[in-house]
Amino acid sequence: MGKRWTSLAECKGTGQRIGWSAAGKELRESGNGTPVLYKVLDSSTHELLQVGYSRRGSAGALAAASRLAGEKAVAWAPLTRAGRQEHVLQELKDDLIGGYFYQMGKSPARQFSAESIPSE
C-alpha cells in the first residue's frame, strides 16, 4: 500500500509485566495520537496474525498486540491527515486484509478469532 512501516517491536513478558523493544524515535514519531495502521506478527515465524488501526498512535497498536497470546511483534505505519477519519481507517484496514487474502489465500491467522474493538 505504499506505507512506511516501522521496524518490528518485539514483545517481552506477559500480563502486567509486558514490555516492548521499540526504538524511541519510532515511539515518539507516532505516539502523540497520530492514527496508525498496525500489523502483528508471530515473533518466530513472522506469520501475519492480525492487522488493524488505532487513533491513539503506537500506544493503541501496542495495546492491541498485547491482547493476543503468544510471542509476537508489531509494526505500524503513521497516517497523514486524510487517514484520520473513521471510515478511511476502516477502509485501509480492510484493504490490508484483502491484499493479504489475495496473495496468501487466507486471512491473517488471528484476524477474526481475536479481533478487538479499534483503539480510540
PDB file of N, CA and C in Angstrom:
ATOM      1  N   MET A   1       0.810  -1.199   0.000  1.00  0.00           N
ATOM      2  CA  MET A   1       0.000   0.000   0.000  1.00  0.00           C
ATOM      3  C   MET A   1       0.848   1.257   0.000  1.00  0.00           C
ATOM      4  N   GLY A   2       2.126   1.106  -0.094  1.00  0.00           N
ATOM      5  CA  GLY A   2       2.984   2.274  -0.152  1.00  0.00           C
ATOM      6  C   GLY A   2       3.174   2.975   1.180  1.00  0.00           C
ATOM      7  N   LYS A   3       2.886   2.307   2.284  1.00  0.00           N
ATOM      8  CA  LYS A   3       3.061   2.908   3.610  1.00  0.00           C
ATOM      9  C   LYS A   3       4.466   2.628   4.116  1.00  0.00           C
ATOM     10  N   ARG A   4       4.967   3.534   4.929  1.00  0.00           N
ATOM     11  CA  ARG A   4       6.276   3.352   5.556  1.00  0.00           C
ATOM     12  C   ARG A   4       6.045   2.729   6.927  1.00  0.00           C
ATOM     13  N   TRP A   5       6.447   1.459   7.079  1.00  0.00           N
ATOM     14  CA  TRP A   5       6.252   0.733   8.327  1.00  0.00           C
ATOM     15  C   TRP A   5       7.468   0.905   9.225  1.00  0.00           C
ATOM     16  N   THR A   6       7.236   0.914  10.520  1.00  0.00           N
ATOM     17  CA  THR A   6       8.339   0.963  11.477  1.00  0.00           C
ATOM     18  C   THR A   6       9.033  -0.392  11.522  1.00  0.00           C
ATOM     19  N   SER A   7      10.151  -0.446  12.191  1.00  0.00           N
ATOM     20  CA  SER A   7      10.789  -1.729  12.473  1.00  0.00           C
ATOM     21  C   SER A   7       9.889  -2.497  13.428  1.00  0.00           C
ATOM     22  N   LEU A   8      10.037  -3.814  13.441  1.00  0.00           N
ATOM     23  CA  LEU A   8       9.224  -4.627  14.345  1.00  0.00           C
ATOM     24  C   LEU A   8       9.606  -4.370  15.796  1.00  0.00           C
ATOM     25  N   ALA A   9       8.611  -4.219  16.643  1.00  0.00           N
ATOM     26  CA  ALA A   9       8.812  -4.099  18.089  1.00  0.00           C
ATOM     27  C   ALA A   9       8.489  -5.461  18.693  1.00  0.00           C
ATOM     28  N   GLU A  10       9.479  -6.106  19.286  1.00  0.00           N
ATOM     29  CA  GLU A  10       9.296  -7.432  19.874  1.00  0.00           C
ATOM     30  C   GLU A  10       8.644  -7.327  21.242  1.00  0.00           C
ATOM     31  N   CYS A  11       7.738  -8.249  21.532  1.00  0.00           N
ATOM     32  CA  CYS A  11       7.070  -8.299  22.826  1.00  0.00           C
ATOM     33  C   CYS A  11       7.905  -9.146  23.776  1.00  0.00           C
ATOM     34  N   LYS A  12       8.083  -8.659  25.004  1.00  0.00           N
ATOM     35  CA  LYS A  12       8.798  -9.415  26.022  1.00  0.00           C
ATOM     36  C   LYS A  12       7.936  -9.455  27.279  1.00  0.00           C
ATOM     37  N   GLY A  13       7.763 -10.648  27.850  1.00  0.00           N
ATOM     38  CA  GLY A  13       6.978 -10.795  29.071  1.00  0.00           C
ATOM     39  C   GLY A  13       5.517 -11.049  28.780  1.00  0.00           C
ATOM     40  N   THR A  14       4.762 -11.188  29.871  1.00  0.00           N
ATOM     41  CA  THR A  14       3.334 -11.440  29.748  1.00  0.00           C
ATOM     42  C   THR A  14       2.578 -10.667  30.807  1.00  0.00           C
ATOM     43  N   GLY A  15       1.275 -10.574  30.626  1.00  0.00           N
ATOM     44  CA  GLY A  15       0.400  -9.935  31.607  1.00  0.00           C
ATOM     45  C   GLY A  15       0.810  -8.520  31.954  1.00  0.00           C
ATOM     46  N   GLN A  16       0.875  -8.220  33.244  1.00  0.00           N
ATOM     47  CA  GLN A  16       1.211  -6.884  33.717  1.00  0.00           C
ATOM     48  C   GLN A  16       2.676  -6.522  33.455  1.00  0.00           C
ATOM     49  N   ARG A  17       3.517  -7.504  33.221  1.00  0.00           N
ATOM     50  CA  ARG A  17       4.953  -7.258  33.035  1.00  0.00           C
ATOM     51  C   ARG A  17       5.370  -7.291  31.566  1.00  0.00           C
ATOM     52  N   ILE A  18       4.461  -6.930  30.704  1.00  0.00           N
ATOM     53  CA  ILE A  18       4.770  -6.949  29.281  1.00  0.00           C
ATOM     54  C   ILE A  18       5.623  -5.744  28.916  1.00  0.00           C
ATOM     55  N   GLY A  19       6.562  -5.940  28.032  1.00  0.00           N
ATOM     56  CA  GLY A  19       7.429  -4.857  27.582  1.00  0.00           C
ATOM     57  C   GLY A  19       7.686  -4.971  26.091  1.00  0.00           C
ATOM     58  N   TRP A  20       8.024  -3.865  25.474  1.00  0.00           N
ATOM     59  CA  TRP A  20       8.251  -3.827  24.036  1.00  0.00           C
ATOM     60  C   TRP A  20       9.614  -3.249  23.757  1.00  0.00           C
ATOM     61  N   SER A  21      10.299  -3.802  22.771  1.00  0.00           N
ATOM     62  CA  SER A  21      11.617  -3.319  22.397  1.00  0.00           C
ATOM     63  C   SER A  21      11.524  -2.474  21.132  1.00  0.00           C
ATOM     64  N   ALA A  22      10.802  -1.373  21.204  1.00  0.00           N
ATOM     65  CA  ALA A  22      10.671  -0.457  20.067  1.00  0.00           C
ATOM     66  C   ALA A  22      11.652   0.685  20.241  1.00  0.00           C
ATOM     67  N   ALA A  23      12.153   1.168  19.138  1.00  0.00           N
ATOM     68  CA  ALA A  23      13.085   2.293  19.180  1.00  0.00           C
ATOM     69  C   ALA A  23      12.364   3.550  19.647  1.00  0.00           C
ATOM     70  N   GLY A  24      13.050   4.354  20.444  1.00  0.00           N
ATOM     71  CA  GLY A  24      12.459   5.572  20.982  1.00  0.00           C
ATOM     72  C   GLY A  24      11.940   6.512  19.917  1.00  0.00           C
ATOM     73  N   LYS A  25      12.691   6.655  18.828  1.00  0.00           N
ATOM     74  CA  LYS A  25      12.274   7.552  17.747  1.00  0.00           C
ATOM     75  C   LYS A  25      10.945   7.108  17.159  1.00  0.00           C
ATOM     76  N   GLU A  26      10.790   5.795  16.953  1.00  0.00           N
ATOM     77  CA  GLU A  26       9.561   5.289  16.367  1.00  0.00           C
ATOM     78  C   GLU A  26       8.375   5.493  17.298  1.00  0.00           C
ATOM     79  N   LEU A  27       8.589   5.322  18.598  1.00  0.00           N
ATOM     80  CA  LEU A  27       7.503   5.544  19.548  1.00  0.00           C
ATOM     81  C   LEU A  27       7.128   7.015  19.604  1.00  0.00           C
ATOM     82  N   ARG A  28       8.117   7.897  19.610  1.00  0.00           N
ATOM     83  CA  ARG A  28       7.843   9.341  19.650  1.00  0.00           C
ATOM     84  C   ARG A  28       7.160   9.796  18.368  1.00  0.00           C
ATOM     85  N   GLU A  29       7.584   9.252  17.251  1.00  0.00           N
ATOM     86  CA  GLU A  29       7.079   9.675  15.944  1.00  0.00           C
ATOM     87  C   GLU A  29       5.579   9.476  15.809  1.00  0.00           C
ATOM     88  N   SER A  30       5.053   8.427  16.380  1.00  0.00           N
ATOM     89  CA  SER A  30       3.624   8.163  16.230  1.00  0.00           C
ATOM     90  C   SER A  30       2.950   7.927  17.575  1.00  0.00           C
ATOM     91  N   GLY A  31       3.569   8.336  18.639  1.00  0.00           N
ATOM     92  CA  GLY A  31       2.993   8.128  19.953  1.00  0.00           C
ATOM     93  C   GLY A  31       2.169   9.299  20.438  1.00  0.00           C
ATOM     94  N   ASN A  32       2.002  10.299  19.609  1.00  0.00           N
ATOM     95  CA  ASN A  32       1.305  11.521  20.023  1.00  0.00           C
ATOM     96  C   ASN A  32      -0.149  11.544  19.584  1.00  0.00           C
ATOM     97  N   GLY A  33      -0.729  10.395  19.360  1.00  0.00           N
ATOM     98  CA  GLY A  33      -2.119  10.354  18.936  1.00  0.00           C
ATOM     99  C   GLY A  33      -2.296  10.366  17.432  1.00  0.00           C
ATOM    100  N   THR A  34      -1.207  10.278  16.684  1.00  0.00           N
ATOM    101  CA  THR A  34      -1.298  10.178  15.236  1.00  0.00           C
ATOM    102  C   THR A  34      -1.901   8.828  14.879  1.00  0.00           C
ATOM    103  N   PRO A  35      -2.959   8.773  14.078  1.00  0.00           N
ATOM    104  CA  PRO A  35      -3.534   7.479  13.702  1.00  0.00           C
ATOM    105  C   PRO A  35      -2.499   6.605  12.994  1.00  0.00           C
ATOM    106  N   VAL A  36      -2.579   5.312  13.246  1.00  0.00           N
ATOM    107  CA  VAL A  36      -1.662   4.362  12.626  1.00  0.00           C
ATOM    108  C   VAL A  36      -2.417   3.128  12.149  1.00  0.00           C
ATOM    109  N   LEU A  37      -1.887   2.514  11.111  1.00  0.00           N
ATOM    110  CA  LEU A  37      -2.249   1.144  10.763  1.00  0.00           C
ATOM    111  C   LEU A  37      -1.214   0.279  11.461  1.00  0.00           C
ATOM    112  N   TYR A  38      -1.595  -0.914  11.904  1.00  0.00           N
ATOM    113  CA  TYR A  38      -0.593  -1.785  12.522  1.00  0.00           C
ATOM    114  C   TYR A  38      -0.760  -3.213  12.034  1.00  0.00           C
ATOM    115  N   LYS A  39       0.331  -3.956  12.149  1.00  0.00           N
ATOM    116  CA  LYS A  39       0.305  -5.384  11.841  1.00  0.00           C
ATOM    117  C   LYS A  39       1.022  -6.118  12.962  1.00  0.00           C
ATOM    118  N   VAL A  40       0.433  -7.236  13.379  1.00  0.00           N
ATOM    119  CA  VAL A  40       1.001  -8.059  14.440  1.00  0.00           C
ATOM    120  C   VAL A  40       1.448  -9.366  13.807  1.00  0.00           C
ATOM    121  N   LEU A  41       2.694  -9.739  14.076  1.00  0.00           N
ATOM    122  CA  LEU A  41       3.270 -10.955  13.513  1.00  0.00           C
ATOM    123  C   LEU A  41       3.729 -11.889  14.626  1.00  0.00           C
ATOM    124  N   ASP A  42       3.769 -13.172  14.331  1.00  0.00           N
ATOM    125  CA  ASP A  42       4.364 -14.144  15.238  1.00  0.00           C
ATOM    126  C   ASP A  42       5.867 -13.881  15.259  1.00  0.00           C
ATOM    127  N   SER A  43       6.463 -13.769  16.433  1.00  0.00           N
ATOM    128  CA  SER A  43       7.884 -13.414  16.549  1.00  0.00           C
ATOM    129  C   SER A  43       8.811 -14.432  15.905  1.00  0.00           C
ATOM    130  N   SER A  44       8.481 -15.709  16.000  1.00  0.00           N
ATOM    131  CA  SER A  44       9.399 -16.720  15.477  1.00  0.00           C
ATOM    132  C   SER A  44       9.191 -17.021  14.000  1.00  0.00           C
ATOM    133  N   THR A  45       7.939 -17.079  13.545  1.00  0.00           N
ATOM    134  CA  THR A  45       7.682 -17.449  12.156  1.00  0.00           C
ATOM    135  C   THR A  45       7.425 -16.250  11.242  1.00  0.00           C
ATOM    136  N   HIS A  46       7.158 -15.097  11.834  1.00  0.00           N
ATOM    137  CA  HIS A  46       6.783 -13.872  11.119  1.00  0.00           C
ATOM    138  C   HIS A  46       5.487 -14.024  10.335  1.00  0.00           C
ATOM    139  N   GLU A  47       4.651 -14.997  10.742  1.00  0.00           N
ATOM    140  CA  GLU A  47       3.331 -15.144  10.142  1.00  0.00           C
ATOM    141  C   GLU A  47       2.468 -13.963  10.586  1.00  0.00           C
ATOM    142  N   LEU A  48       1.707 -13.405   9.661  1.00  0.00           N
ATOM    143  CA  LEU A  48       0.817 -12.294   9.981  1.00  0.00           C
ATOM    144  C   LEU A  48      -0.347 -12.806  10.816  1.00  0.00           C
ATOM    145  N   LEU A  49      -0.513 -12.237  12.017  1.00  0.00           N
ATOM    146  CA  LEU A  49      -1.580 -12.655  12.915  1.00  0.00           C
ATOM    147  C   LEU A  49      -2.797 -11.754  12.820  1.00  0.00           C
ATOM    148  N   GLN A  50      -2.571 -10.445  12.742  1.00  0.00           N
ATOM    149  CA  GLN A  50      -3.688  -9.503  12.774  1.00  0.00           C
ATOM    150  C   GLN A  50      -3.238  -8.156  12.212  1.00  0.00           C
ATOM    151  N   VAL A  51      -4.156  -7.464  11.564  1.00  0.00           N
ATOM    152  CA  VAL A  51      -3.931  -6.078  11.157  1.00  0.00           C
ATOM    153  C   VAL A  51      -5.060  -5.240  11.740  1.00  0.00           C
ATOM    154  N   GLY A  52      -4.798  -3.964  11.919  1.00  0.00           N
ATOM    155  CA  GLY A  52      -5.819  -3.093  12.471  1.00  0.00           C
ATOM    156  C   GLY A  52      -5.402  -1.642  12.373  1.00  0.00           C
ATOM    157  N   TYR A  53      -6.131  -0.796  13.072  1.00  0.00           N
ATOM    158  CA  TYR A  53      -5.788   0.616  13.124  1.00  0.00           C
ATOM    159  C   TYR A  53      -6.018   1.133  14.530  1.00  0.00           C
ATOM    160  N   SER A  54      -5.361   2.211  14.834  1.00  0.00           N
ATOM    161  CA  SER A  54      -5.528   2.859  16.131  1.00  0.00           C
ATOM    162  C   SER A  54      -5.485   4.359  15.934  1.00  0.00           C
ATOM    163  N   ARG A  55      -6.401   5.051  16.576  1.00  0.00           N
ATOM    164  CA  ARG A  55      -6.358   6.522  16.544  1.00  0.00           C
ATOM    165  C   ARG A  55      -5.472   7.052  17.657  1.00  0.00           C
ATOM    166  N   ARG A  56      -4.966   6.168  18.516  1.00  0.00           N
ATOM    167  CA  ARG A  56      -4.093   6.561  19.612  1.00  0.00           C
ATOM    168  C   ARG A  56      -2.616   6.399  19.284  1.00  0.00           C
ATOM    169  N   GLY A  57      -2.281   6.196  18.048  1.00  0.00           N
ATOM    170  CA  GLY A  57      -0.882   6.054  17.666  1.00  0.00           C
ATOM    171  C   GLY A  57      -0.302   4.724  18.098  1.00  0.00           C
ATOM    172  N   SER A  58       1.011   4.722  18.330  1.00  0.00           N
ATOM    173  CA  SER A  58       1.701   3.482  18.657  1.00  0.00           C
ATOM    174  C   SER A  58       1.192   2.872  19.951  1.00  0.00           C
ATOM    175  N   ALA A  59       0.720   3.682  20.894  1.00  0.00           N
ATOM    176  CA  ALA A  59       0.200   3.146  22.157  1.00  0.00           C
ATOM    177  C   ALA A  59      -0.980   2.216  21.901  1.00  0.00           C
ATOM    178  N   GLY A  60      -1.861   2.596  21.008  1.00  0.00           N
ATOM    179  CA  GLY A  60      -3.004   1.749  20.671  1.00  0.00           C
ATOM    180  C   GLY A  60      -2.590   0.489  19.934  1.00  0.00           C
ATOM    181  N   ALA A  61      -1.595   0.601  19.071  1.00  0.00           N
ATOM    182  CA  ALA A  61      -1.101  -0.568  18.338  1.00  0.00           C
ATOM    183  C   ALA A  61      -0.472  -1.573  19.298  1.00  0.00           C
ATOM    184  N   LEU A  62       0.335  -1.086  20.233  1.00  0.00           N
ATOM    185  CA  LEU A  62       0.978  -1.976  21.195  1.00  0.00           C
ATOM    186  C   LEU A  62      -0.048  -2.606  22.132  1.00  0.00           C
ATOM    187  N   ALA A  63      -1.060  -1.842  22.530  1.00  0.00           N
ATOM    188  CA  ALA A  63      -2.106  -2.375  23.398  1.00  0.00           C
ATOM    189  C   ALA A  63      -2.885  -3.483  22.689  1.00  0.00           C
ATOM    190  N   ALA A  64      -3.221  -3.276  21.428  1.00  0.00           N
ATOM    191  CA  ALA A  64      -3.953  -4.290  20.667  1.00  0.00           C
ATOM    192  C   ALA A  64      -3.119  -5.559  20.528  1.00  0.00           C
ATOM    193  N   ALA A  65      -1.840  -5.404  20.243  1.00  0.00           N
ATOM    194  CA  ALA A  65      -0.963  -6.567  20.089  1.00  0.00           C
ATOM    195  C   ALA A  65      -0.804  -7.313  21.407  1.00  0.00           C
ATOM    196  N   SER A  66      -0.777  -6.600  22.514  1.00  0.00           N
ATOM    197  CA  SER A  66      -0.567  -7.254  23.808  1.00  0.00           C
ATOM    198  C   SER A  66      -1.765  -8.102  24.218  1.00  0.00           C
ATOM    199  N   ARG A  67      -2.918  -7.889  23.609  1.00  0.00           N
ATOM    200  CA  ARG A  67      -4.097  -8.689  23.922  1.00  0.00           C
ATOM    201  C   ARG A  67      -4.053 -10.069  23.268  1.00  0.00           C
ATOM    202  N   LEU A  68      -3.160 -10.271  22.304  1.00  0.00           N
ATOM    203  CA  LEU A  68      -3.034 -11.574  21.658  1.00  0.00           C
ATOM    204  C   LEU A  68      -2.036 -12.427  22.430  1.00  0.00           C
ATOM    205  N   ALA A  69      -2.348 -13.715  22.596  1.00  0.00           N
ATOM    206  CA  ALA A  69      -1.466 -14.617  23.328  1.00  0.00           C
ATOM    207  C   ALA A  69      -0.247 -14.991  22.485  1.00  0.00           C
ATOM    208  N   GLY A  70       0.798 -15.397  23.154  1.00  0.00           N
ATOM    209  CA  GLY A  70       1.994 -15.888  22.482  1.00  0.00           C
ATOM    210  C   GLY A  70       3.012 -14.792  22.224  1.00  0.00           C
ATOM    211  N   GLU A  71       4.159 -15.208  21.690  1.00  0.00           N
ATOM    212  CA  GLU A  71       5.216 -14.248  21.365  1.00  0.00           C
ATOM    213  C   GLU A  71       4.862 -13.567  20.058  1.00  0.00           C
ATOM    214  N   LYS A  72       4.987 -12.255  20.065  1.00  0.00           N
ATOM    215  CA  LYS A  72       4.600 -11.511  18.883  1.00  0.00           C
ATOM    216  C   LYS A  72       5.446 -10.263  18.717  1.00  0.00           C
ATOM    217  N   ALA A  73       5.320  -9.688  17.538  1.00  0.00           N
ATOM    218  CA  ALA A  73       5.992  -8.440  17.217  1.00  0.00           C
ATOM    219  C   ALA A  73       4.978  -7.571  16.489  1.00  0.00           C
ATOM    220  N   VAL A  74       5.143  -6.260  16.583  1.00  0.00           N
ATOM    221  CA  VAL A  74       4.198  -5.353  15.947  1.00  0.00           C
ATOM    222  C   VAL A  74       4.957  -4.256  15.214  1.00  0.00           C
ATOM    223  N   ALA A  75       4.413  -3.831  14.095  1.00  0.00           N
ATOM    224  CA  ALA A  75       4.936  -2.687  13.345  1.00  0.00           C
ATOM    225  C   ALA A  75       3.745  -1.827  12.985  1.00  0.00           C
ATOM    226  N   TRP A  76       3.975  -0.529  12.809  1.00  0.00           N
ATOM    227  CA  TRP A  76       2.877   0.370  12.481  1.00  0.00           C
ATOM    228  C   TRP A  76       3.325   1.383  11.450  1.00  0.00           C
ATOM    229  N   ALA A  77       2.338   1.960  10.782  1.00  0.00           N
ATOM    230  CA  ALA A  77       2.574   2.979   9.758  1.00  0.00           C
ATOM    231  C   ALA A  77       1.757   4.215  10.120  1.00  0.00           C
ATOM    232  N   PRO A  78       2.428   5.311  10.483  1.00  0.00           N
ATOM    233  CA  PRO A  78       1.691   6.551  10.789  1.00  0.00           C
ATOM    234  C   PRO A  78       0.934   7.035   9.549  1.00  0.00           C
ATOM    235  N   LEU A  79      -0.243   7.600   9.771  1.00  0.00           N
ATOM    236  CA  LEU A  79      -1.080   8.072   8.663  1.00  0.00           C
ATOM    237  C   LEU A  79      -1.123   9.596   8.624  1.00  0.00           C
ATOM    238  N   THR A  80      -1.379  10.112   7.459  1.00  0.00           N
ATOM    239  CA  THR A  80      -1.463  11.556   7.270  1.00  0.00           C
ATOM    240  C   THR A  80      -2.864  12.047   7.615  1.00  0.00           C
ATOM    241  N   ARG A  81      -3.084  13.289   7.399  1.00  0.00           N
ATOM    242  CA  ARG A  81      -4.384  13.915   7.689  1.00  0.00           C
ATOM    243  C   ARG A  81      -5.567  13.171   7.103  1.00  0.00           C
ATOM    244  N   ALA A  82      -5.423  12.729   5.869  1.00  0.00           N
ATOM    245  CA  ALA A  82      -6.537  12.056   5.193  1.00  0.00           C
ATOM    246  C   ALA A  82      -6.932  10.767   5.909  1.00  0.00           C
ATOM    247  N   GLY A  83      -6.000  10.172   6.653  1.00  0.00           N
ATOM    248  CA  GLY A  83      -6.279   8.915   7.335  1.00  0.00           C
ATOM    249  C   GLY A  83      -6.880   9.074   8.708  1.00  0.00           C
ATOM    250  N   ARG A  84      -7.343  10.251   9.066  1.00  0.00           N
ATOM    251  CA  ARG A  84      -7.866  10.465  10.415  1.00  0.00           C
ATOM    252  C   ARG A  84      -9.351  10.178  10.552  1.00  0.00           C
ATOM    253  N   GLN A  85     -10.056  10.073   9.447  1.00  0.00           N
ATOM    254  CA  GLN A  85     -11.490   9.809   9.512  1.00  0.00           C
ATOM    255  C   GLN A  85     -11.728   8.315   9.713  1.00  0.00           C
ATOM    256  N   GLU A  86     -12.727   7.999  10.530  1.00  0.00           N
ATOM    257  CA  GLU A  86     -13.013   6.605  10.895  1.00  0.00           C
ATOM    258  C   GLU A  86     -13.229   5.714   9.675  1.00  0.00           C
ATOM    259  N   HIS A  87     -14.016   6.178   8.706  1.00  0.00           N
ATOM    260  CA  HIS A  87     -14.299   5.336   7.546  1.00  0.00           C
ATOM    261  C   HIS A  87     -13.047   5.106   6.700  1.00  0.00           C
ATOM    262  N   VAL A  88     -12.133   6.065   6.681  1.00  0.00           N
ATOM    263  CA  VAL A  88     -10.881   5.891   5.937  1.00  0.00           C
ATOM    264  C   VAL A  88      -9.997   4.862   6.642  1.00  0.00           C
ATOM    265  N   LEU A  89      -9.919   4.943   7.975  1.00  0.00           N
ATOM    266  CA  LEU A  89      -9.139   3.970   8.741  1.00  0.00           C
ATOM    267  C   LEU A  89      -9.665   2.554   8.518  1.00  0.00           C
ATOM    268  N   GLN A  90     -10.976   2.391   8.564  1.00  0.00           N
ATOM    269  CA  GLN A  90     -11.580   1.073   8.360  1.00  0.00           C
ATOM    270  C   GLN A  90     -11.306   0.561   6.953  1.00  0.00           C
ATOM    271  N   GLU A  91     -11.392   1.440   5.960  1.00  0.00           N
ATOM    272  CA  GLU A  91     -11.146   1.024   4.577  1.00  0.00           C
ATOM    273  C   GLU A  91      -9.690   0.604   4.380  1.00  0.00           C
ATOM    274  N   LEU A  92      -8.751   1.330   4.968  1.00  0.00           N
ATOM    275  CA  LEU A  92      -7.335   0.965   4.864  1.00  0.00           C
ATOM    276  C   LEU A  92      -7.078  -0.394   5.509  1.00  0.00           C
ATOM    277  N   LYS A  93      -7.674  -0.616   6.672  1.00  0.00           N
ATOM    278  CA  LYS A  93      -7.546  -1.913   7.348  1.00  0.00           C
ATOM    279  C   LYS A  93      -8.108  -3.020   6.463  1.00  0.00           C
ATOM    280  N   ASP A  94      -9.294  -2.805   5.908  1.00  0.00           N
ATOM    281  CA  ASP A  94      -9.915  -3.807   5.040  1.00  0.00           C
ATOM    282  C   ASP A  94      -9.060  -4.077   3.802  1.00  0.00           C
ATOM    283  N   ASP A  95      -8.420  -3.037   3.272  1.00  0.00           N
ATOM    284  CA  ASP A  95      -7.529  -3.208   2.123  1.00  0.00           C
ATOM    285  C   ASP A  95      -6.336  -4.097   2.479  1.00  0.00           C
ATOM    286  N   LEU A  96      -5.791  -3.935   3.681  1.00  0.00           N
ATOM    287  CA  LEU A  96      -4.673  -4.778   4.117  1.00  0.00           C
ATOM    288  C   LEU A  96      -5.105  -6.241   4.223  1.00  0.00           C
ATOM    289  N   ILE A  97      -6.282  -6.467   4.808  1.00  0.00           N
ATOM    290  CA  ILE A  97      -6.793  -7.832   4.931  1.00  0.00           C
ATOM    291  C   ILE A  97      -7.042  -8.427   3.548  1.00  0.00           C
ATOM    292  N   GLY A  98      -7.673  -7.650   2.666  1.00  0.00           N
ATOM    293  CA  GLY A  98      -7.964  -8.124   1.315  1.00  0.00           C
ATOM    294  C   GLY A  98      -6.711  -8.411   0.507  1.00  0.00           C
ATOM    295  N   GLY A  99      -5.714  -7.536   0.624  1.00  0.00           N
ATOM    296  CA  GLY A  99      -4.454  -7.758  -0.087  1.00  0.00           C
ATOM    297  C   GLY A  99      -3.749  -9.020   0.387  1.00  0.00           C
ATOM    298  N   TYR A 100      -3.780  -9.245   1.697  1.00  0.00           N
ATOM    299  CA  TYR A 100      -3.168 -10.454   2.255  1.00  0.00           C
ATOM    300  C   TYR A 100      -3.924 -11.688   1.764  1.00  0.00           C
ATOM    301  N   PHE A 101      -5.246 -11.618   1.797  1.00  0.00           N
ATOM    302  CA  PHE A 101      -6.053 -12.749   1.333  1.00  0.00           C
ATOM    303  C   PHE A 101      -5.793 -13.033  -0.143  1.00  0.00           C
ATOM    304  N   TYR A 102      -5.677 -11.999  -0.928  1.00  0.00           N
ATOM    305  CA  TYR A 102      -5.436 -12.158  -2.364  1.00  0.00           C
ATOM    306  C   TYR A 102      -4.119 -12.895  -2.612  1.00  0.00           C
ATOM    307  N   GLN A 103      -3.085 -12.543  -1.850  1.00  0.00           N
ATOM    308  CA  GLN A 103      -1.776 -13.161  -2.053  1.00  0.00           C
ATOM    309  C   GLN A 103      -1.647 -14.531  -1.407  1.00  0.00           C
ATOM    310  N   MET A 104      -2.229 -14.696  -0.223  1.00  0.00           N
ATOM    311  CA  MET A 104      -2.000 -15.913   0.550  1.00  0.00           C
ATOM    312  C   MET A 104      -3.161 -16.912   0.494  1.00  0.00           C
ATOM    313  N   GLY A 105      -4.348 -16.456   0.083  1.00  0.00           N
ATOM    314  CA  GLY A 105      -5.494 -17.348   0.026  1.00  0.00           C
ATOM    315  C   GLY A 105      -6.146 -17.598   1.372  1.00  0.00           C
ATOM    316  N   LYS A 106      -5.794 -16.806   2.372  1.00  0.00           N
ATOM    317  CA  LYS A 106      -6.387 -16.923   3.703  1.00  0.00           C
ATOM    318  C   LYS A 106      -6.261 -15.581   4.405  1.00  0.00           C
ATOM    319  N   SER A 107      -7.067 -15.387   5.427  1.00  0.00           N
ATOM    320  CA  SER A 107      -6.966 -14.143   6.203  1.00  0.00           C
ATOM    321  C   SER A 107      -5.832 -14.276   7.222  1.00  0.00           C
ATOM    322  N   PRO A 108      -5.375 -13.148   7.802  1.00  0.00           N
ATOM    323  CA  PRO A 108      -4.368 -13.244   8.860  1.00  0.00           C
ATOM    324  C   PRO A 108      -4.845 -14.206   9.953  1.00  0.00           C
ATOM    325  N   ALA A 109      -3.919 -14.980  10.509  1.00  0.00           N
ATOM    326  CA  ALA A 109      -4.232 -16.115  11.381  1.00  0.00           C
ATOM    327  C   ALA A 109      -5.177 -15.802  12.531  1.00  0.00           C
ATOM    328  N   ARG A 110      -5.066 -14.642  13.164  1.00  0.00           N
ATOM    329  CA  ARG A 110      -5.892 -14.328  14.331  1.00  0.00           C
ATOM    330  C   ARG A 110      -6.814 -13.134  14.077  1.00  0.00           C
ATOM    331  N   GLN A 111      -7.026 -12.788  12.829  1.00  0.00           N
ATOM    332  CA  GLN A 111      -7.782 -11.586  12.495  1.00  0.00           C
ATOM    333  C   GLN A 111      -9.202 -11.605  13.039  1.00  0.00           C
ATOM    334  N   PHE A 112      -9.903 -12.675  12.817  1.00  0.00           N
ATOM    335  CA  PHE A 112     -11.302 -12.700  13.178  1.00  0.00           C
ATOM    336  C   PHE A 112     -11.583 -13.456  14.475  1.00  0.00           C
ATOM    337  N   SER A 113     -10.679 -14.320  14.877  1.00  0.00           N
ATOM    338  CA  SER A 113     -10.892 -15.063  16.122  1.00  0.00           C
ATOM    339  C   SER A 113     -10.573 -14.229  17.342  1.00  0.00           C
ATOM    340  N   ALA A 114      -9.764 -13.192  17.178  1.00  0.00           N
ATOM    341  CA  ALA A 114      -9.381 -12.368  18.340  1.00  0.00           C
ATOM    342  C   ALA A 114      -9.502 -10.901  18.026  1.00  0.00           C
ATOM    343  N   GLU A 115     -10.373 -10.530  17.091  1.00  0.00           N
ATOM    344  CA  GLU A 115     -10.478  -9.128  16.719  1.00  0.00           C
ATOM    345  C   GLU A 115     -11.093  -8.344  17.863  1.00  0.00           C
ATOM    346  N   SER A 116     -10.457  -7.243  18.181  1.00  0.00           N
ATOM    347  CA  SER A 116     -10.942  -6.405  19.281  1.00  0.00           C
ATOM    348  C   SER A 116     -11.508  -5.110  18.721  1.00  0.00           C
ATOM    349  N   ILE A 117     -12.130  -4.351  19.580  1.00  0.00           N
ATOM    350  CA  ILE A 117     -12.660  -3.041  19.198  1.00  0.00           C
ATOM    351  C   ILE A 117     -11.486  -2.127  18.896  1.00  0.00           C
ATOM    352  N   PRO A 118     -11.520  -1.342  17.811  1.00  0.00           N
ATOM    353  CA  PRO A 118     -10.402  -0.442  17.483  1.00  0.00           C
ATOM    354  C   PRO A 118     -10.071   0.454  18.662  1.00  0.00           C
ATOM    355  N   SER A 119      -8.781   0.672  18.850  1.00  0.00           N
ATOM    356  CA  SER A 119      -8.319   1.546  19.936  1.00  0.00           C
ATOM    357  C   SER A 119      -8.688   2.973  19.637  1.00  0.00           C
ATOM    358  N   GLU A 120      -9.236   3.636  20.608  1.00  0.00           N
ATOM    359  CA  GLU A 120      -9.653   5.043  20.436  1.00  0.00           C
ATOM    360  C   GLU A 120      -8.479   5.965  20.385  1.00  0.00           C
TER     361      GLU A 120
END
